[in-house]
Amino acid sequence: MRRLIVADTGPLLALARIEQLGLLPALFQQVLLTPTVLAECEAKPDRGEGRDIRYALAAGRFELLAPRDALPVLGIDPGETSALALARERGAGVLMDDKAGRAVARQLGIAVIGSVGVLVLGKRKGLLPRVRPLLEALVEGGYFLGPELVKEALRLADE
């Protein structure tokens, strides 16, 4: 189902790392990110992910929007907090991998999908031929994916 999603830093960096940022506008009608999330994405200028995210934003694939009100949540980082605040304001889902952030999203009644879920959805929609090589590329690039998550993703992707 195509809908509005607010992206957090981790999944944006992960998808950029494996050159799959284009999946987001293909799967969702509108992809929002907050200025705080963008700043976190660009915090390491020596890496190309931030540049790729900025390019996608400039190309109109993503939209930059600040939440009107702060969300008083403790225990998660500023990017996650801003993404959740904007998702709540807009009635959107959130793209988030962080375990604590996902728990807060669920407490707030916000639908959550992670970067692995985006890959599986991309495969199911015929946008990706295979998920396994992308999961392997994430792990090789230093992104932590537990073995059970990988196993479940491959099952859901029929691989």
C-alpha atoms as a PDB file:
ATOM      1  CA  MET A   1       0.000   0.000   0.000  1.00  0.00           C
ATOM      2  CA  ARG A   2       1.418   3.348  -1.040  1.00  0.00           C
ATOM      3  CA  ARG A   3       1.300   5.968   1.703  1.00  0.00           C
ATOM      4  CA  LEU A   4       3.160   8.664   3.544  1.00  0.00           C
ATOM      5  CA  ILE A   5       6.330   7.690   5.410  1.00  0.00           C
ATOM      6  CA  VAL A   6       8.737   9.675   7.578  1.00  0.00           C
ATOM      7  CA  ALA A   7      12.293   8.374   7.345  1.00  0.00           C
ATOM      8  CA  ASP A   8      14.813   8.133  10.169  1.00  0.00           C
ATOM      9  CA  THR A   9      18.567   8.342   9.713  1.00  0.00           C
ATOM     10  CA  GLY A  10      19.598   4.685   9.994  1.00  0.00           C
ATOM     11  CA  PRO A  11      17.438   3.273   7.194  1.00  0.00           C
ATOM     12  CA  LEU A  12      18.272   6.174   4.881  1.00  0.00           C
ATOM     13  CA  LEU A  13      21.999   5.555   5.378  1.00  0.00           C
ATOM     14  CA  ALA A  14      21.534   1.798   4.991  1.00  0.00           C
ATOM     15  CA  LEU A  15      19.550   2.103   1.759  1.00  0.00           C
ATOM     16  CA  ALA A  16      21.978   4.692   0.389  1.00  0.00           C
ATOM     17  CA  ARG A  17      24.896   2.392   1.189  1.00  0.00           C
ATOM     18  CA  ILE A  18      23.425  -0.338  -1.021  1.00  0.00           C
ATOM     19  CA  GLU A  19      22.175   2.133  -3.667  1.00  0.00           C
ATOM     20  CA  GLN A  20      18.486   1.493  -2.977  1.00  0.00           C
ATOM     21  CA  LEU A  21      17.190   4.952  -1.995  1.00  0.00           C
ATOM     22  CA  GLY A  22      15.042   4.838  -5.131  1.00  0.00           C
ATOM     23  CA  LEU A  23      12.865   2.160  -3.563  1.00  0.00           C
ATOM     24  CA  LEU A  24      11.343   4.668  -1.151  1.00  0.00           C
ATOM     25  CA  PRO A  25       9.566   6.921  -3.668  1.00  0.00           C
ATOM     26  CA  ALA A  26       8.636   3.810  -5.665  1.00  0.00           C
ATOM     27  CA  LEU A  27       6.904   2.280  -2.626  1.00  0.00           C
ATOM     28  CA  PHE A  28       5.498   5.353  -0.869  1.00  0.00           C
ATOM     29  CA  GLN A  29       3.525   8.305  -2.209  1.00  0.00           C
ATOM     30  CA  GLN A  30       5.530  10.765  -0.140  1.00  0.00           C
ATOM     31  CA  VAL A  31       8.796  10.364   1.752  1.00  0.00           C
ATOM     32  CA  LEU A  32       9.457  12.971   4.418  1.00  0.00           C
ATOM     33  CA  LEU A  33      12.555  13.632   6.463  1.00  0.00           C
ATOM     34  CA  THR A  34      13.168  16.205   9.130  1.00  0.00           C
ATOM     35  CA  PRO A  35      16.042  18.704   9.194  1.00  0.00           C
ATOM     36  CA  THR A  36      17.405  16.829  12.232  1.00  0.00           C
ATOM     37  CA  VAL A  37      17.457  13.538  10.299  1.00  0.00           C
ATOM     38  CA  LEU A  38      19.123  15.242   7.316  1.00  0.00           C
ATOM     39  CA  ALA A  39      21.803  16.722   9.595  1.00  0.00           C
ATOM     40  CA  GLU A  40      22.482  13.274  11.064  1.00  0.00           C
ATOM     41  CA  CYS A  41      22.724  11.807   7.554  1.00  0.00           C
ATOM     42  CA  GLU A  42      25.275  14.447   6.577  1.00  0.00           C
ATOM     43  CA  ALA A  43      27.285  14.255   9.825  1.00  0.00           C
ATOM     44  CA  LYS A  44      30.091  12.262   8.157  1.00  0.00           C
ATOM     45  CA  PRO A  45      30.888  14.191   4.969  1.00  0.00           C
ATOM     46  CA  ASP A  46      33.667  11.745   4.041  1.00  0.00           C
ATOM     47  CA  ARG A  47      31.023   9.094   3.334  1.00  0.00           C
ATOM     48  CA  GLY A  48      28.843   9.242   0.233  1.00  0.00           C
ATOM     49  CA  GLU A  49      25.517   8.318   1.819  1.00  0.00           C
ATOM     50  CA  GLY A  50      24.745  11.841   3.029  1.00  0.00           C
ATOM     51  CA  ARG A  51      25.515  13.254  -0.406  1.00  0.00           C
ATOM     52  CA  ASP A  52      23.204  10.679  -2.032  1.00  0.00           C
ATOM     53  CA  ILE A  53      20.403  11.555   0.386  1.00  0.00           C
ATOM     54  CA  ARG A  54      20.867  15.284  -0.275  1.00  0.00           C
ATOM     55  CA  TYR A  55      20.773  14.575  -4.029  1.00  0.00           C
ATOM     56  CA  ALA A  56      17.513  12.599  -3.678  1.00  0.00           C
ATOM     57  CA  LEU A  57      16.069  15.509  -1.712  1.00  0.00           C
ATOM     58  CA  ALA A  58      17.166  18.037  -4.361  1.00  0.00           C
ATOM     59  CA  ALA A  59      15.703  15.811  -7.083  1.00  0.00           C
ATOM     60  CA  GLY A  60      12.306  15.911  -5.357  1.00  0.00           C
ATOM     61  CA  ARG A  61      12.272  12.246  -4.310  1.00  0.00           C
ATOM     62  CA  PHE A  62      12.063  13.249  -0.640  1.00  0.00           C
ATOM     63  CA  GLU A  63      10.563  16.262   1.087  1.00  0.00           C
ATOM     64  CA  LEU A  64      12.172  18.102   4.004  1.00  0.00           C
ATOM     65  CA  LEU A  65       9.699  19.120   6.691  1.00  0.00           C
ATOM     66  CA  ALA A  66      10.134  20.063  10.349  1.00  0.00           C
ATOM     67  CA  PRO A  67       7.599  18.931  12.942  1.00  0.00           C
ATOM     68  CA  ARG A  68       5.529  21.755  14.392  1.00  0.00           C
ATOM     69  CA  ASP A  69       5.758  20.473  17.947  1.00  0.00           C
ATOM     70  CA  ALA A  70       8.522  18.689  19.808  1.00  0.00           C
ATOM     71  CA  LEU A  71       7.835  15.219  21.112  1.00  0.00           C
ATOM     72  CA  PRO A  72       8.815  14.831  24.778  1.00  0.00           C
ATOM     73  CA  VAL A  73      10.323  11.335  24.536  1.00  0.00           C
ATOM     74  CA  LEU A  74      13.344  10.173  26.493  1.00  0.00           C
ATOM     75  CA  GLY A  75      15.714   7.394  25.549  1.00  0.00           C
ATOM     76  CA  ILE A  76      15.911   7.885  21.789  1.00  0.00           C
ATOM     77  CA  ASP A  77      18.085  10.187  19.719  1.00  0.00           C
ATOM     78  CA  PRO A  78      17.010  13.559  18.283  1.00  0.00           C
ATOM     79  CA  GLY A  79      16.548  12.213  14.736  1.00  0.00           C
ATOM     80  CA  GLU A  80      14.212   9.477  15.905  1.00  0.00           C
ATOM     81  CA  THR A  81      12.342  11.922  18.117  1.00  0.00           C
ATOM     82  CA  SER A  82      11.846  14.392  15.264  1.00  0.00           C
ATOM     83  CA  ALA A  83      10.793  11.632  12.833  1.00  0.00           C
ATOM     84  CA  LEU A  84       8.225  10.321  15.315  1.00  0.00           C
ATOM     85  CA  ALA A  85       6.912  13.820  16.030  1.00  0.00           C
ATOM     86  CA  LEU A  86       6.413  14.486  12.322  1.00  0.00           C
ATOM     87  CA  ALA A  87       4.881  11.050  11.707  1.00  0.00           C
ATOM     88  CA  ARG A  88       2.402  11.623  14.517  1.00  0.00           C
ATOM     89  CA  GLU A  89       1.481  15.095  13.206  1.00  0.00           C
ATOM     90  CA  ARG A  90       0.992  13.871   9.646  1.00  0.00           C
ATOM     91  CA  GLY A  91      -0.670  10.539  10.436  1.00  0.00           C
ATOM     92  CA  ALA A  92       2.223   8.811   8.694  1.00  0.00           C
ATOM     93  CA  GLY A  93       4.178   5.645   9.199  1.00  0.00           C
ATOM     94  CA  VAL A  94       7.839   5.773  10.112  1.00  0.00           C
ATOM     95  CA  LEU A  95      10.880   4.140   8.525  1.00  0.00           C
ATOM     96  CA  MET A  96      13.041   3.236  11.510  1.00  0.00           C
ATOM     97  CA  ASP A  97      15.480   0.485  12.453  1.00  0.00           C
ATOM     98  CA  ASP A  98      16.463   1.442  15.998  1.00  0.00           C
ATOM     99  CA  LYS A  99      14.871  -0.957  18.492  1.00  0.00           C
ATOM    100  CA  ALA A 100      14.113   1.682  21.139  1.00  0.00           C
ATOM    101  CA  GLY A 101      12.694   4.071  18.548  1.00  0.00           C
ATOM    102  CA  ARG A 102      10.489   1.342  17.102  1.00  0.00           C
ATOM    103  CA  ALA A 103       9.147   0.567  20.575  1.00  0.00           C
ATOM    104  CA  VAL A 104       8.265   4.233  21.124  1.00  0.00           C
ATOM    105  CA  ALA A 105       6.583   4.356  17.703  1.00  0.00           C
ATOM    106  CA  ARG A 106       4.416   1.384  18.614  1.00  0.00           C
ATOM    107  CA  GLN A 107       3.506   3.001  21.948  1.00  0.00           C
ATOM    108  CA  LEU A 108       2.396   6.068  19.994  1.00  0.00           C
ATOM    109  CA  GLY A 109       0.386   3.941  17.557  1.00  0.00           C
ATOM    110  CA  ILE A 110       2.653   4.778  14.618  1.00  0.00           C
ATOM    111  CA  ALA A 111       3.138   2.072  11.970  1.00  0.00           C
ATOM    112  CA  VAL A 112       6.793   1.083  11.562  1.00  0.00           C
ATOM    113  CA  ILE A 113       8.778  -0.450   8.729  1.00  0.00           C
ATOM    114  CA  GLY A 114      12.533  -0.962   8.726  1.00  0.00           C
ATOM    115  CA  SER A 115      15.113  -1.040   5.976  1.00  0.00           C
ATOM    116  CA  VAL A 116      14.857  -4.837   5.703  1.00  0.00           C
ATOM    117  CA  GLY A 117      11.071  -4.511   5.426  1.00  0.00           C
ATOM    118  CA  VAL A 118      11.516  -2.021   2.589  1.00  0.00           C
ATOM    119  CA  LEU A 119      13.716  -4.511   0.738  1.00  0.00           C
ATOM    120  CA  VAL A 120      11.188  -7.310   1.205  1.00  0.00           C
ATOM    121  CA  LEU A 121       8.349  -5.028   0.088  1.00  0.00           C
ATOM    122  CA  GLY A 122      10.423  -3.999  -2.929  1.00  0.00           C
ATOM    123  CA  LYS A 123      10.857  -7.648  -3.887  1.00  0.00           C
ATOM    124  CA  ARG A 124       7.159  -8.392  -3.402  1.00  0.00           C
ATOM    125  CA  LYS A 125       6.236  -5.426  -5.631  1.00  0.00           C
ATOM    126  CA  GLY A 126       8.604  -6.641  -8.358  1.00  0.00           C
ATOM    127  CA  LEU A 127      11.064  -3.793  -7.914  1.00  0.00           C
ATOM    128  CA  LEU A 128      13.934  -6.047  -6.811  1.00  0.00           C
ATOM    129  CA  PRO A 129      14.927  -9.403  -8.257  1.00  0.00           C
ATOM    130  CA  ARG A 130      16.518 -10.660  -5.019  1.00  0.00           C
ATOM    131  CA  VAL A 131      16.875  -9.547  -1.405  1.00  0.00           C
ATOM    132  CA  ARG A 132      19.717 -11.841  -0.271  1.00  0.00           C
ATOM    133  CA  PRO A 133      22.571  -9.959  -2.006  1.00  0.00           C
ATOM    134  CA  LEU A 134      21.333  -6.662  -0.588  1.00  0.00           C
ATOM    135  CA  LEU A 135      21.139  -8.068   2.943  1.00  0.00           C
ATOM    136  CA  GLU A 136      24.652  -9.458   2.524  1.00  0.00           C
ATOM    137  CA  ALA A 137      25.876  -6.061   1.288  1.00  0.00           C
ATOM    138  CA  LEU A 138      24.365  -4.368   4.350  1.00  0.00           C
ATOM    139  CA  VAL A 139      26.093  -6.805   6.702  1.00  0.00           C
ATOM    140  CA  GLU A 140      29.398  -6.529   4.839  1.00  0.00           C
ATOM    141  CA  GLY A 141      29.087  -2.739   5.080  1.00  0.00           C
ATOM    142  CA  GLY A 142      28.861  -2.930   8.869  1.00  0.00           C
ATOM    143  CA  TYR A 143      25.089  -2.737   9.317  1.00  0.00           C
ATOM    144  CA  PHE A 144      23.966  -5.109  12.051  1.00  0.00           C
ATOM    145  CA  LEU A 145      21.259  -7.567  11.050  1.00  0.00           C
ATOM    146  CA  GLY A 146      20.571 -10.431  13.405  1.00  0.00           C
ATOM    147  CA  PRO A 147      20.510 -13.920  11.892  1.00  0.00           C
ATOM    148  CA  GLU A 148      16.830 -14.405  12.776  1.00  0.00           C
ATOM    149  CA  LEU A 149      15.907 -11.158  11.018  1.00  0.00           C
ATOM    150  CA  VAL A 150      17.808 -12.229   7.904  1.00  0.00           C
ATOM    151  CA  LYS A 151      16.180 -15.671   7.978  1.00  0.00           C
ATOM    152  CA  GLU A 152      12.684 -14.169   8.320  1.00  0.00           C
ATOM    153  CA  ALA A 153      13.341 -11.603   5.582  1.00  0.00           C
ATOM    154  CA  LEU A 154      14.460 -14.325   3.190  1.00  0.00           C
ATOM    155  CA  ARG A 155      11.372 -16.374   4.052  1.00  0.00           C
ATOM    156  CA  LEU A 156       9.084 -13.397   3.410  1.00  0.00           C
ATOM    157  CA  ALA A 157      10.909 -12.693   0.142  1.00  0.00           C
ATOM    158  CA  ASP A 158      10.537 -16.345  -0.944  1.00  0.00           C
ATOM    159  CA  GLU A 159      14.288 -16.820  -1.171  1.00  0.00           C
END
